[in-house]
Amino acid sequence: MSQDKQLKYDKAYLRIAKEWGKLSYCKRRQVGALIVKDRMIISDGYNGTPSGFENFCEDDQGYTKWYVLHAEANAILKVASSTQSAKGATLYITMSPCKECSKLIHQAGIIKVVYNQAYKDDSGLRFLKKAGIELKLIETIEE
């Protein structure tokens, strides 16, 4: 696929991830993620509380509760409970991964991460780079 066409797809998947993030009940930040393999969306996720918990991500002081799952973790866990595999897939995410999620991304076999905004702590990105995962920042996704 040409670079121009790939960029067009990358932006489209990021726009879908952004829309998916809007489903999150979190007030501080809404993050969406898609896992794409062979140009097919095999999983999706957004940040939020685990199944069966109340849909409040922040405590009374406005801090994110410790058990809130990140968008990419939710997408990876969704793949794990399906017949699909993330091995060789691309993760599209609106915010670059934290260090904890970066370990999950690597272990899931994801080979490329395309993101829209950089998270304040770049240790996750540094880990992914060290693991040989292709990283691509696309800041402008509107067409």
N, C-alpha and C. Protein backbone atom coordinates (compact mmCIF):
# COMPACT_ATOMS: atom_id res chain seq x y z
N MET A 1 0.85 -1.18 0.00
CA MET A 1 0.00 0.00 0.00
C MET A 1 0.90 1.25 0.00
N SER A 2 0.51 2.25 -0.76
CA SER A 2 1.29 3.48 -0.82
C SER A 2 1.24 4.20 0.53
N GLN A 3 2.24 5.05 0.76
CA GLN A 3 2.28 5.79 2.03
C GLN A 3 1.10 6.73 2.17
N ASP A 4 0.69 7.35 1.06
CA ASP A 4 -0.47 8.26 1.09
C ASP A 4 -1.74 7.52 1.48
N LYS A 5 -1.94 6.33 0.89
CA LYS A 5 -3.13 5.54 1.19
C LYS A 5 -3.08 5.04 2.63
N GLN A 6 -1.90 4.61 3.09
CA GLN A 6 -1.76 4.14 4.46
C GLN A 6 -2.07 5.25 5.46
N LEU A 7 -1.59 6.46 5.18
CA LEU A 7 -1.86 7.60 6.05
C LEU A 7 -3.36 7.88 6.10
N LYS A 8 -4.03 7.75 4.97
CA LYS A 8 -5.48 7.96 4.91
C LYS A 8 -6.19 6.95 5.82
N TYR A 9 -5.78 5.68 5.76
CA TYR A 9 -6.36 4.64 6.62
C TYR A 9 -6.03 4.91 8.08
N ASP A 10 -4.77 5.26 8.35
CA ASP A 10 -4.35 5.53 9.74
C ASP A 10 -5.22 6.64 10.36
N LYS A 11 -5.44 7.71 9.61
CA LYS A 11 -6.25 8.81 10.11
C LYS A 11 -7.70 8.38 10.33
N ALA A 12 -8.23 7.58 9.42
CA ALA A 12 -9.61 7.11 9.54
C ALA A 12 -9.77 6.24 10.79
N TYR A 13 -8.83 5.33 11.02
CA TYR A 13 -8.90 4.47 12.21
C TYR A 13 -8.77 5.30 13.49
N LEU A 14 -7.92 6.32 13.46
CA LEU A 14 -7.78 7.18 14.64
C LEU A 14 -9.07 7.97 14.89
N ARG A 15 -9.74 8.40 13.83
CA ARG A 15 -11.01 9.11 14.00
C ARG A 15 -12.05 8.18 14.64
N ILE A 16 -12.07 6.92 14.21
CA ILE A 16 -13.00 5.95 14.81
C ILE A 16 -12.64 5.74 16.28
N ALA A 17 -11.34 5.62 16.58
CA ALA A 17 -10.90 5.45 17.97
C ALA A 17 -11.33 6.64 18.82
N LYS A 18 -11.23 7.84 18.24
CA LYS A 18 -11.64 9.05 18.96
C LYS A 18 -13.14 9.00 19.27
N GLU A 19 -13.94 8.59 18.29
CA GLU A 19 -15.39 8.45 18.50
C GLU A 19 -15.66 7.40 19.58
N TRP A 20 -14.93 6.30 19.54
CA TRP A 20 -15.11 5.23 20.52
C TRP A 20 -14.80 5.73 21.93
N GLY A 21 -13.78 6.57 22.04
CA GLY A 21 -13.42 7.14 23.33
C GLY A 21 -14.54 7.96 23.95
N LYS A 22 -15.40 8.53 23.11
CA LYS A 22 -16.52 9.33 23.61
C LYS A 22 -17.55 8.48 24.37
N LEU A 23 -17.45 7.16 24.26
CA LEU A 23 -18.34 6.26 25.00
C LEU A 23 -17.92 6.11 26.46
N SER A 24 -16.71 6.55 26.76
CA SER A 24 -16.18 6.46 28.13
C SER A 24 -16.94 7.37 29.08
N TYR A 25 -17.13 6.88 30.31
CA TYR A 25 -17.78 7.70 31.34
C TYR A 25 -16.75 8.54 32.11
N CYS A 26 -15.48 8.39 31.81
CA CYS A 26 -14.45 9.13 32.53
C CYS A 26 -14.54 10.62 32.19
N LYS A 27 -14.40 11.44 33.23
CA LYS A 27 -14.51 12.90 33.05
C LYS A 27 -13.16 13.53 32.72
N ARG A 28 -12.08 13.05 33.34
CA ARG A 28 -10.76 13.67 33.16
C ARG A 28 -10.24 13.51 31.74
N ARG A 29 -10.42 12.32 31.19
CA ARG A 29 -9.89 12.06 29.85
C ARG A 29 -10.64 10.88 29.26
N GLN A 30 -11.05 11.02 28.01
CA GLN A 30 -11.70 9.93 27.29
C GLN A 30 -10.75 9.42 26.22
N VAL A 31 -10.42 8.14 26.31
CA VAL A 31 -9.45 7.54 25.39
C VAL A 31 -10.12 6.37 24.68
N GLY A 32 -9.90 6.27 23.37
CA GLY A 32 -10.43 5.17 22.58
C GLY A 32 -9.31 4.42 21.89
N ALA A 33 -9.54 3.12 21.65
CA ALA A 33 -8.53 2.28 21.00
C ALA A 33 -9.18 1.29 20.05
N LEU A 34 -8.48 0.99 18.97
CA LEU A 34 -8.89 -0.05 18.02
C LEU A 34 -7.69 -0.94 17.75
N ILE A 35 -7.94 -2.22 17.58
CA ILE A 35 -6.90 -3.13 17.11
C ILE A 35 -7.31 -3.58 15.72
N VAL A 36 -6.42 -3.36 14.76
CA VAL A 36 -6.71 -3.64 13.36
C VAL A 36 -5.69 -4.65 12.82
N LYS A 37 -6.22 -5.65 12.14
CA LYS A 37 -5.37 -6.68 11.54
C LYS A 37 -5.91 -6.97 10.14
N ASP A 38 -5.03 -6.94 9.15
CA ASP A 38 -5.42 -7.17 7.75
C ASP A 38 -6.58 -6.25 7.35
N ARG A 39 -6.47 -4.98 7.74
CA ARG A 39 -7.45 -3.93 7.44
C ARG A 39 -8.85 -4.27 7.96
N MET A 40 -8.89 -5.03 9.07
CA MET A 40 -10.16 -5.37 9.69
C MET A 40 -10.07 -5.04 11.17
N ILE A 41 -11.05 -4.34 11.70
CA ILE A 41 -11.08 -4.03 13.13
C ILE A 41 -11.43 -5.32 13.88
N ILE A 42 -10.48 -5.80 14.70
CA ILE A 42 -10.73 -7.05 15.43
C ILE A 42 -11.08 -6.80 16.90
N SER A 43 -10.85 -5.57 17.36
CA SER A 43 -11.21 -5.24 18.74
C SER A 43 -11.27 -3.73 18.93
N ASP A 44 -11.95 -3.34 20.00
CA ASP A 44 -12.06 -1.93 20.34
C ASP A 44 -12.11 -1.80 21.85
N GLY A 45 -11.87 -0.61 22.33
CA GLY A 45 -11.95 -0.39 23.76
C GLY A 45 -11.90 1.08 24.09
N TYR A 46 -12.36 1.40 25.29
CA TYR A 46 -12.23 2.76 25.80
C TYR A 46 -11.96 2.65 27.29
N ASN A 47 -11.45 3.72 27.88
CA ASN A 47 -11.11 3.67 29.29
C ASN A 47 -12.37 3.68 30.14
N GLY A 48 -12.34 2.89 31.20
CA GLY A 48 -13.50 2.83 32.08
C GLY A 48 -13.35 1.77 33.15
N THR A 49 -14.36 1.68 33.98
CA THR A 49 -14.33 0.72 35.09
C THR A 49 -14.61 -0.69 34.58
N PRO A 50 -14.18 -1.72 35.31
CA PRO A 50 -14.44 -3.10 34.89
C PRO A 50 -15.94 -3.40 34.84
N SER A 51 -16.29 -4.41 34.09
CA SER A 51 -17.69 -4.85 33.98
C SER A 51 -18.28 -5.08 35.36
N GLY A 52 -19.51 -4.61 35.53
CA GLY A 52 -20.20 -4.82 36.80
C GLY A 52 -19.96 -3.74 37.85
N PHE A 53 -19.04 -2.83 37.58
CA PHE A 53 -18.75 -1.73 38.51
C PHE A 53 -19.52 -0.49 38.07
N GLU A 54 -19.72 0.44 39.00
CA GLU A 54 -20.39 1.69 38.67
C GLU A 54 -19.56 2.44 37.64
N ASN A 55 -20.23 3.22 36.80
CA ASN A 55 -19.54 3.93 35.72
C ASN A 55 -19.01 5.28 36.17
N PHE A 56 -18.29 5.31 37.27
CA PHE A 56 -17.65 6.54 37.75
C PHE A 56 -16.16 6.27 37.83
N CYS A 57 -15.39 6.95 36.99
CA CYS A 57 -13.95 6.70 36.91
C CYS A 57 -13.16 7.47 37.96
N GLU A 58 -13.72 8.60 38.44
CA GLU A 58 -13.00 9.46 39.37
C GLU A 58 -13.59 9.35 40.77
N ASP A 59 -12.73 9.56 41.76
CA ASP A 59 -13.20 9.58 43.15
C ASP A 59 -13.71 10.98 43.51
N ASP A 60 -14.07 11.19 44.77
CA ASP A 60 -14.63 12.49 45.20
C ASP A 60 -13.66 13.65 45.04
N GLN A 61 -12.35 13.36 45.02
CA GLN A 61 -11.33 14.41 44.84
C GLN A 61 -11.00 14.65 43.36
N GLY A 62 -11.63 13.87 42.47
CA GLY A 62 -11.38 14.05 41.04
C GLY A 62 -10.25 13.21 40.49
N TYR A 63 -9.68 12.34 41.33
CA TYR A 63 -8.59 11.47 40.87
C TYR A 63 -9.16 10.19 40.26
N THR A 64 -8.46 9.67 39.25
CA THR A 64 -8.90 8.43 38.62
C THR A 64 -8.74 7.27 39.59
N LYS A 65 -9.78 6.47 39.70
CA LYS A 65 -9.74 5.31 40.58
C LYS A 65 -8.70 4.31 40.06
N TRP A 66 -8.04 3.62 40.97
CA TRP A 66 -6.92 2.74 40.61
C TRP A 66 -7.35 1.58 39.71
N TYR A 67 -8.60 1.18 39.78
CA TYR A 67 -9.03 0.01 39.02
C TYR A 67 -9.61 0.32 37.64
N VAL A 68 -9.58 1.59 37.23
CA VAL A 68 -10.03 1.95 35.90
C VAL A 68 -9.08 1.33 34.87
N LEU A 69 -9.67 0.71 33.87
CA LEU A 69 -8.88 0.08 32.80
C LEU A 69 -8.65 1.09 31.67
N HIS A 70 -7.44 1.07 31.13
CA HIS A 70 -7.13 1.94 30.00
C HIS A 70 -7.73 1.36 28.73
N ALA A 71 -7.93 2.20 27.73
CA ALA A 71 -8.59 1.81 26.48
C ALA A 71 -7.87 0.64 25.80
N GLU A 72 -6.54 0.72 25.72
CA GLU A 72 -5.80 -0.33 25.03
C GLU A 72 -5.85 -1.65 25.79
N ALA A 73 -5.87 -1.58 27.13
CA ALA A 73 -5.99 -2.79 27.94
C ALA A 73 -7.36 -3.44 27.68
N ASN A 74 -8.41 -2.63 27.63
CA ASN A 74 -9.74 -3.16 27.34
C ASN A 74 -9.79 -3.82 25.96
N ALA A 75 -9.17 -3.19 24.96
CA ALA A 75 -9.16 -3.75 23.60
C ALA A 75 -8.38 -5.06 23.57
N ILE A 76 -7.24 -5.12 24.26
CA ILE A 76 -6.43 -6.34 24.29
C ILE A 76 -7.16 -7.46 25.03
N LEU A 77 -7.81 -7.12 26.14
CA LEU A 77 -8.58 -8.12 26.89
C LEU A 77 -9.76 -8.64 26.08
N LYS A 78 -10.36 -7.79 25.28
CA LYS A 78 -11.47 -8.20 24.43
C LYS A 78 -11.00 -9.22 23.38
N VAL A 79 -9.82 -8.98 22.81
CA VAL A 79 -9.25 -9.92 21.84
C VAL A 79 -8.96 -11.25 22.53
N ALA A 80 -8.42 -11.18 23.73
CA ALA A 80 -8.05 -12.39 24.47
C ALA A 80 -9.25 -13.29 24.74
N SER A 81 -10.44 -12.70 24.86
CA SER A 81 -11.63 -13.50 25.13
C SER A 81 -12.39 -13.86 23.85
N SER A 82 -11.75 -13.61 22.70
CA SER A 82 -12.37 -13.94 21.41
C SER A 82 -11.54 -15.02 20.71
N THR A 83 -11.89 -15.31 19.48
CA THR A 83 -11.11 -16.29 18.69
C THR A 83 -10.02 -15.60 17.89
N GLN A 84 -9.94 -14.29 17.98
CA GLN A 84 -8.93 -13.52 17.24
C GLN A 84 -7.60 -13.50 17.98
N SER A 85 -6.56 -13.09 17.26
CA SER A 85 -5.24 -12.88 17.85
C SER A 85 -4.73 -11.51 17.43
N ALA A 86 -4.10 -10.81 18.36
CA ALA A 86 -3.53 -9.49 18.05
C ALA A 86 -2.13 -9.60 17.47
N LYS A 87 -1.61 -10.80 17.32
CA LYS A 87 -0.26 -11.00 16.79
C LYS A 87 -0.17 -10.42 15.37
N GLY A 88 0.73 -9.46 15.21
CA GLY A 88 0.93 -8.82 13.91
C GLY A 88 -0.02 -7.67 13.62
N ALA A 89 -0.81 -7.28 14.61
CA ALA A 89 -1.82 -6.23 14.41
C ALA A 89 -1.27 -4.83 14.71
N THR A 90 -2.08 -3.83 14.38
CA THR A 90 -1.79 -2.43 14.68
C THR A 90 -2.80 -1.93 15.70
N LEU A 91 -2.29 -1.22 16.69
CA LEU A 91 -3.14 -0.58 17.70
C LEU A 91 -3.27 0.89 17.35
N TYR A 92 -4.51 1.36 17.23
CA TYR A 92 -4.79 2.78 17.02
C TYR A 92 -5.35 3.29 18.34
N ILE A 93 -4.74 4.33 18.87
CA ILE A 93 -5.16 4.84 20.17
C ILE A 93 -5.04 6.36 20.21
N THR A 94 -5.99 7.00 20.88
CA THR A 94 -6.01 8.46 20.88
C THR A 94 -4.93 9.06 21.76
N MET A 95 -4.44 8.31 22.75
CA MET A 95 -3.39 8.78 23.67
C MET A 95 -2.31 7.71 23.73
N SER A 96 -1.05 8.12 23.66
CA SER A 96 0.03 7.12 23.68
C SER A 96 -0.03 6.30 24.98
N PRO A 97 0.39 5.05 24.91
CA PRO A 97 0.23 4.14 26.05
C PRO A 97 1.15 4.46 27.23
N CYS A 98 0.63 4.15 28.43
CA CYS A 98 1.44 4.24 29.65
C CYS A 98 2.39 3.05 29.69
N LYS A 99 3.29 3.04 30.66
CA LYS A 99 4.27 1.95 30.74
C LYS A 99 3.62 0.61 31.03
N GLU A 100 2.57 0.59 31.84
CA GLU A 100 1.90 -0.68 32.16
C GLU A 100 1.23 -1.26 30.91
N CYS A 101 0.52 -0.44 30.18
CA CYS A 101 -0.16 -0.92 28.97
C CYS A 101 0.84 -1.30 27.87
N SER A 102 1.99 -0.64 27.85
CA SER A 102 3.01 -0.96 26.85
C SER A 102 3.47 -2.41 26.96
N LYS A 103 3.53 -2.91 28.19
CA LYS A 103 3.91 -4.32 28.38
C LYS A 103 2.85 -5.24 27.78
N LEU A 104 1.57 -4.87 27.97
CA LEU A 104 0.49 -5.68 27.41
C LEU A 104 0.52 -5.66 25.88
N ILE A 105 0.79 -4.49 25.31
CA ILE A 105 0.86 -4.34 23.86
C ILE A 105 1.94 -5.25 23.29
N HIS A 106 3.10 -5.21 23.90
CA HIS A 106 4.22 -6.04 23.45
C HIS A 106 3.88 -7.52 23.57
N GLN A 107 3.37 -7.93 24.71
CA GLN A 107 3.06 -9.34 24.95
C GLN A 107 1.92 -9.84 24.05
N ALA A 108 1.02 -8.94 23.63
CA ALA A 108 -0.09 -9.33 22.77
C ALA A 108 0.36 -9.57 21.33
N GLY A 109 1.59 -9.17 21.00
CA GLY A 109 2.11 -9.37 19.64
C GLY A 109 1.79 -8.25 18.68
N ILE A 110 1.32 -7.12 19.20
CA ILE A 110 1.04 -5.95 18.36
C ILE A 110 2.36 -5.40 17.85
N ILE A 111 2.43 -5.10 16.56
CA ILE A 111 3.71 -4.69 15.96
C ILE A 111 3.78 -3.20 15.61
N LYS A 112 2.65 -2.50 15.69
CA LYS A 112 2.64 -1.08 15.35
C LYS A 112 1.62 -0.36 16.23
N VAL A 113 1.98 0.84 16.69
CA VAL A 113 1.08 1.66 17.48
C VAL A 113 0.99 3.03 16.82
N VAL A 114 -0.22 3.42 16.47
CA VAL A 114 -0.49 4.73 15.87
C VAL A 114 -1.31 5.50 16.90
N TYR A 115 -0.82 6.67 17.27
CA TYR A 115 -1.51 7.44 18.31
C TYR A 115 -1.66 8.90 17.90
N ASN A 116 -2.61 9.59 18.59
CA ASN A 116 -2.97 10.94 18.24
C ASN A 116 -2.37 12.00 19.17
N GLN A 117 -2.17 11.65 20.44
CA GLN A 117 -1.59 12.59 21.41
C GLN A 117 -0.58 11.84 22.27
N ALA A 118 0.46 12.55 22.68
CA ALA A 118 1.47 11.95 23.55
C ALA A 118 1.06 12.09 25.01
N TYR A 119 1.15 10.99 25.74
CA TYR A 119 0.90 10.98 27.19
C TYR A 119 2.07 11.69 27.87
N LYS A 120 1.82 12.31 29.02
CA LYS A 120 2.86 13.12 29.70
C LYS A 120 4.11 12.31 30.04
N ASP A 121 3.95 11.03 30.34
CA ASP A 121 5.08 10.15 30.66
C ASP A 121 5.38 9.32 29.41
N ASP A 122 6.56 9.48 28.84
CA ASP A 122 6.88 8.78 27.60
C ASP A 122 7.60 7.45 27.81
N SER A 123 7.63 6.95 29.04
CA SER A 123 8.34 5.69 29.30
C SER A 123 7.69 4.51 28.57
N GLY A 124 6.36 4.57 28.37
CA GLY A 124 5.69 3.52 27.60
C GLY A 124 6.16 3.49 26.16
N LEU A 125 6.26 4.67 25.56
CA LEU A 125 6.75 4.76 24.18
C LEU A 125 8.21 4.31 24.07
N ARG A 126 9.00 4.68 25.05
CA ARG A 126 10.41 4.26 25.03
C ARG A 126 10.53 2.74 25.13
N PHE A 127 9.70 2.13 25.97
CA PHE A 127 9.69 0.67 26.10
C PHE A 127 9.29 0.02 24.77
N LEU A 128 8.23 0.53 24.14
CA LEU A 128 7.77 -0.05 22.88
C LEU A 128 8.83 0.07 21.79
N LYS A 129 9.51 1.21 21.75
CA LYS A 129 10.57 1.41 20.77
C LYS A 129 11.69 0.39 21.00
N LYS A 130 12.06 0.19 22.25
CA LYS A 130 13.10 -0.79 22.61
C LYS A 130 12.67 -2.20 22.22
N ALA A 131 11.35 -2.48 22.29
CA ALA A 131 10.81 -3.79 21.94
C ALA A 131 10.68 -3.98 20.42
N GLY A 132 11.00 -2.93 19.65
CA GLY A 132 10.96 -3.03 18.19
C GLY A 132 9.59 -2.80 17.58
N ILE A 133 8.70 -2.19 18.34
CA ILE A 133 7.36 -1.90 17.84
C ILE A 133 7.38 -0.55 17.13
N GLU A 134 6.82 -0.53 15.93
CA GLU A 134 6.78 0.70 15.14
C GLU A 134 5.82 1.69 15.80
N LEU A 135 6.25 2.93 15.93
CA LEU A 135 5.43 3.98 16.55
C LEU A 135 5.17 5.09 15.55
N LYS A 136 3.94 5.59 15.53
CA LYS A 136 3.61 6.66 14.60
C LYS A 136 2.66 7.63 15.26
N LEU A 137 3.09 8.87 15.37
CA LEU A 137 2.25 9.95 15.92
C LEU A 137 1.61 10.69 14.76
N ILE A 138 0.27 10.78 14.80
CA ILE A 138 -0.47 11.55 13.80
C ILE A 138 -1.33 12.52 14.59
N GLU A 139 -0.91 13.78 14.61
CA GLU A 139 -1.60 14.78 15.43
C GLU A 139 -2.85 15.34 14.78
N THR A 140 -2.88 15.41 13.45
CA THR A 140 -4.03 15.95 12.75
C THR A 140 -4.77 14.80 12.08
N ILE A 141 -6.00 14.54 12.55
CA ILE A 141 -6.74 13.39 12.00
C ILE A 141 -8.02 13.79 11.28
N GLU A 142 -8.40 15.04 11.39
CA GLU A 142 -9.65 15.47 10.73
C GLU A 142 -9.42 15.59 9.24
N GLU A 143 -10.40 15.19 8.49
CA GLU A 143 -10.30 15.25 7.01
C GLU A 143 -11.25 16.31 6.48
